[in-house]
Amino acid sequence: MDGFIEILKIILPAVAVFFAAFLIVKRFLENEDKRREHDLNKGNQSITSPLRLQAYERIIIFLERINPSSLLVRVNKNGMNCHQFHMELIKTIKTEFEHNLSQQIYMSHASWELIKTTKEEIIKLINVSSTKLLPNATSNDLAIMILNITASLEKKLPNDIAIEFIKKEVRKLF
């Protein structure tokens, strides 16, 4: 029995030292992993931050380009009838949107959903304006109708709301 106690006197401190060393090494390795991960994220951020900022810039340009007042002036050509102008407006918005589809990678889900909703709302505005005109109307008649409906709205245009939202998001990120 005396031999057993003597062995315990040797083994228990050795186990305690081993356990303490194990915990210290484990914590050290966890901290090293966190440090490496942080360094990697920091390096990646220096690469992705400019890309994200560029994506937000391109989306702001998209939203400005689909603003009805700038869109109407840019797309309207002499000799177009209402139907041709209507189709060209929709085509232009969809083309602009498709050109910027890849920007969603760098944006939050909420921002991208707002961009999609804005695009659909502007298309809906154009469609509604088109239905209020006679079949023989000109492109200028459609442009005037769109501007009148836009002016009569009591709230902001969808693209103005989206621009404000994106500006707030960019301020948070950068």
Protein backbone atom coordinates (compact mmCIF):
# COMPACT_ATOMS: atom_id res chain seq x y z
CA MET A 1 0.00 0.00 0.00
CA ASP A 2 2.91 2.32 0.82
CA GLY A 3 4.34 1.64 -2.64
CA PHE A 4 1.02 2.56 -4.23
CA ILE A 5 0.92 5.95 -2.46
CA GLU A 6 4.51 6.62 -3.50
CA ILE A 7 3.62 5.86 -7.12
CA LEU A 8 0.57 8.16 -6.87
CA LYS A 9 2.82 10.95 -5.50
CA ILE A 10 4.87 10.69 -8.67
CA ILE A 11 2.09 10.03 -11.20
CA LEU A 12 -0.44 12.69 -10.07
CA PRO A 13 1.94 15.67 -10.44
CA ALA A 14 3.13 14.26 -13.77
CA VAL A 15 -0.49 13.97 -15.00
CA ALA A 16 -1.24 17.51 -13.78
CA VAL A 17 1.84 18.88 -15.59
CA PHE A 18 0.94 16.94 -18.76
CA PHE A 19 -2.67 18.20 -18.64
CA ALA A 20 -1.56 21.82 -18.11
CA ALA A 21 0.95 21.56 -20.96
CA PHE A 22 -1.72 20.01 -23.19
CA LEU A 23 -4.16 22.89 -22.50
CA ILE A 24 -1.47 25.53 -23.11
CA VAL A 25 -0.40 23.96 -26.42
CA LYS A 26 -4.02 23.54 -27.50
CA ARG A 27 -4.83 27.21 -26.75
CA PHE A 28 -1.63 28.31 -28.52
CA LEU A 29 -2.56 26.36 -31.66
CA GLU A 30 -6.12 27.74 -31.63
CA ASN A 31 -4.76 31.29 -31.36
CA GLU A 32 -2.33 30.63 -34.21
CA ASP A 33 -5.19 29.36 -36.38
CA LYS A 34 -7.24 32.47 -35.58
CA ARG A 35 -4.27 34.71 -36.36
CA ARG A 36 -3.66 32.99 -39.69
CA GLU A 37 -7.34 33.19 -40.56
CA HIS A 38 -7.38 36.89 -39.64
CA ASP A 39 -4.30 37.55 -41.78
CA LEU A 40 -5.87 35.68 -44.67
CA ASN A 41 -9.14 37.62 -44.32
CA LYS A 42 -7.24 40.87 -44.14
CA GLY A 43 -5.36 40.00 -47.33
CA ASN A 44 -8.57 38.96 -49.08
CA GLN A 45 -10.30 42.11 -47.94
CA SER A 46 -7.65 44.27 -49.56
CA ILE A 47 -8.48 42.47 -52.81
CA THR A 48 -12.28 42.29 -52.51
CA SER A 49 -12.98 45.72 -51.05
CA PRO A 50 -12.19 47.57 -54.27
CA LEU A 51 -14.27 45.03 -56.21
CA ARG A 52 -17.21 45.46 -53.85
CA LEU A 53 -16.99 49.23 -54.07
CA GLN A 54 -16.85 49.01 -57.85
CA ALA A 55 -19.94 46.78 -57.82
CA TYR A 56 -21.85 49.34 -55.79
CA GLU A 57 -20.71 52.08 -58.16
CA ARG A 58 -21.91 50.11 -61.17
CA ILE A 59 -25.28 49.46 -59.55
CA ILE A 60 -25.70 53.18 -58.81
CA ILE A 61 -24.98 53.88 -62.48
CA PHE A 62 -27.55 51.24 -63.44
CA LEU A 63 -30.16 52.83 -61.18
CA GLU A 64 -29.43 56.27 -62.61
CA ARG A 65 -29.65 54.93 -66.16
CA ILE A 66 -33.09 53.38 -65.57
CA ASN A 67 -34.42 56.55 -63.97
CA PRO A 68 -37.40 57.37 -66.21
CA SER A 69 -36.28 60.92 -66.98
CA SER A 70 -32.83 59.89 -68.21
CA LEU A 71 -34.07 56.66 -69.81
CA LEU A 72 -36.73 58.44 -71.88
CA VAL A 73 -34.28 60.96 -73.31
CA ARG A 74 -31.64 58.36 -74.08
CA VAL A 75 -33.92 55.81 -75.76
CA ASN A 76 -36.41 57.99 -77.65
CA LYS A 77 -35.68 58.30 -81.37
CA ASN A 78 -37.52 60.29 -84.01
CA GLY A 79 -40.17 58.34 -85.84
CA MET A 80 -40.84 55.74 -83.13
CA ASN A 81 -44.43 54.94 -82.33
CA CYS A 82 -45.67 54.25 -78.81
CA HIS A 83 -45.40 50.47 -79.11
CA GLN A 84 -41.84 50.58 -80.50
CA PHE A 85 -40.77 53.02 -77.81
CA HIS A 86 -42.41 50.90 -75.11
CA MET A 87 -40.60 47.78 -76.29
CA GLU A 88 -37.28 49.62 -76.60
CA LEU A 89 -37.59 50.99 -73.05
CA ILE A 90 -38.22 47.52 -71.62
CA LYS A 91 -35.42 46.02 -73.70
CA THR A 92 -32.98 48.72 -72.54
CA ILE A 93 -33.82 48.16 -68.87
CA LYS A 94 -33.47 44.39 -69.17
CA THR A 95 -30.19 44.70 -71.08
CA GLU A 96 -28.77 47.09 -68.49
CA PHE A 97 -29.85 44.72 -65.72
CA GLU A 98 -28.34 41.67 -67.42
CA HIS A 99 -25.11 43.59 -67.92
CA ASN A 100 -24.91 44.10 -64.14
CA LEU A 101 -26.04 40.64 -62.97
CA SER A 102 -22.58 39.68 -61.77
CA GLN A 103 -22.56 42.55 -59.27
CA GLN A 104 -24.85 40.58 -56.97
CA ILE A 105 -21.83 38.55 -55.86
CA TYR A 106 -20.42 41.57 -54.06
CA MET A 107 -23.67 42.95 -52.64
CA SER A 108 -25.86 41.99 -49.73
CA HIS A 109 -28.96 39.93 -50.42
CA ALA A 110 -31.19 42.83 -49.30
CA SER A 111 -29.51 45.23 -51.73
CA TRP A 112 -29.80 42.87 -54.65
CA GLU A 113 -33.46 42.13 -53.93
CA LEU A 114 -34.12 45.88 -53.83
CA ILE A 115 -32.35 46.29 -57.18
CA LYS A 116 -34.51 43.57 -58.74
CA THR A 117 -37.67 45.10 -57.28
CA THR A 118 -36.68 48.53 -58.56
CA LYS A 119 -36.18 47.19 -62.06
CA GLU A 120 -39.60 45.50 -61.98
CA GLU A 121 -41.29 48.63 -60.62
CA ILE A 122 -39.84 50.82 -63.38
CA ILE A 123 -40.98 48.27 -65.98
CA LYS A 124 -44.42 48.25 -64.39
CA LEU A 125 -44.53 52.06 -64.55
CA ILE A 126 -43.73 51.93 -68.27
CA ASN A 127 -46.31 49.19 -68.89
CA VAL A 128 -49.04 51.06 -67.03
CA SER A 129 -48.24 54.27 -68.89
CA SER A 130 -48.40 52.42 -72.19
CA THR A 131 -51.86 51.01 -71.48
CA LYS A 132 -53.26 54.50 -70.87
CA LEU A 133 -52.56 55.61 -74.46
CA LEU A 134 -54.34 55.00 -77.75
CA PRO A 135 -52.74 52.53 -80.18
CA ASN A 136 -51.76 55.30 -82.62
CA ALA A 137 -49.90 57.34 -79.96
CA THR A 138 -46.35 58.52 -80.57
CA SER A 139 -43.24 57.89 -78.53
CA ASN A 140 -43.48 61.45 -77.24
CA ASP A 141 -46.98 60.75 -75.95
CA LEU A 142 -45.67 57.76 -74.02
CA ALA A 143 -42.75 59.78 -72.67
CA ILE A 144 -45.11 62.51 -71.48
CA MET A 145 -47.43 59.94 -69.89
CA ILE A 146 -44.53 58.30 -68.02
CA LEU A 147 -43.29 61.68 -66.80
CA ASN A 148 -46.79 62.70 -65.71
CA ILE A 149 -47.31 59.49 -63.75
CA THR A 150 -43.85 59.86 -62.22
CA ALA A 151 -44.59 63.45 -61.21
CA SER A 152 -47.93 62.49 -59.70
CA LEU A 153 -46.42 59.88 -57.41
CA GLU A 154 -46.52 61.02 -53.81
CA LYS A 155 -43.56 58.88 -52.87
CA LYS A 156 -40.03 58.67 -54.22
CA LEU A 157 -39.25 56.68 -57.32
CA PRO A 158 -38.08 53.12 -56.66
CA ASN A 159 -34.60 53.85 -58.03
CA ASP A 160 -34.21 56.83 -55.65
CA ILE A 161 -35.12 54.60 -52.71
CA ALA A 162 -32.65 51.95 -53.89
CA ILE A 163 -29.87 54.54 -54.30
CA GLU A 164 -30.41 55.80 -50.75
CA PHE A 165 -30.34 52.23 -49.41
CA ILE A 166 -27.13 51.41 -51.25
CA LYS A 167 -25.44 54.60 -50.09
CA LYS A 168 -26.27 53.68 -46.47
CA GLU A 169 -24.93 50.16 -46.98
CA VAL A 170 -21.71 51.45 -48.53
CA ARG A 171 -21.20 53.87 -45.62
CA LYS A 172 -21.50 50.94 -43.20
CA LEU A 173 -19.03 48.80 -45.12
CA PHE A 174 -16.38 51.36 -45.95
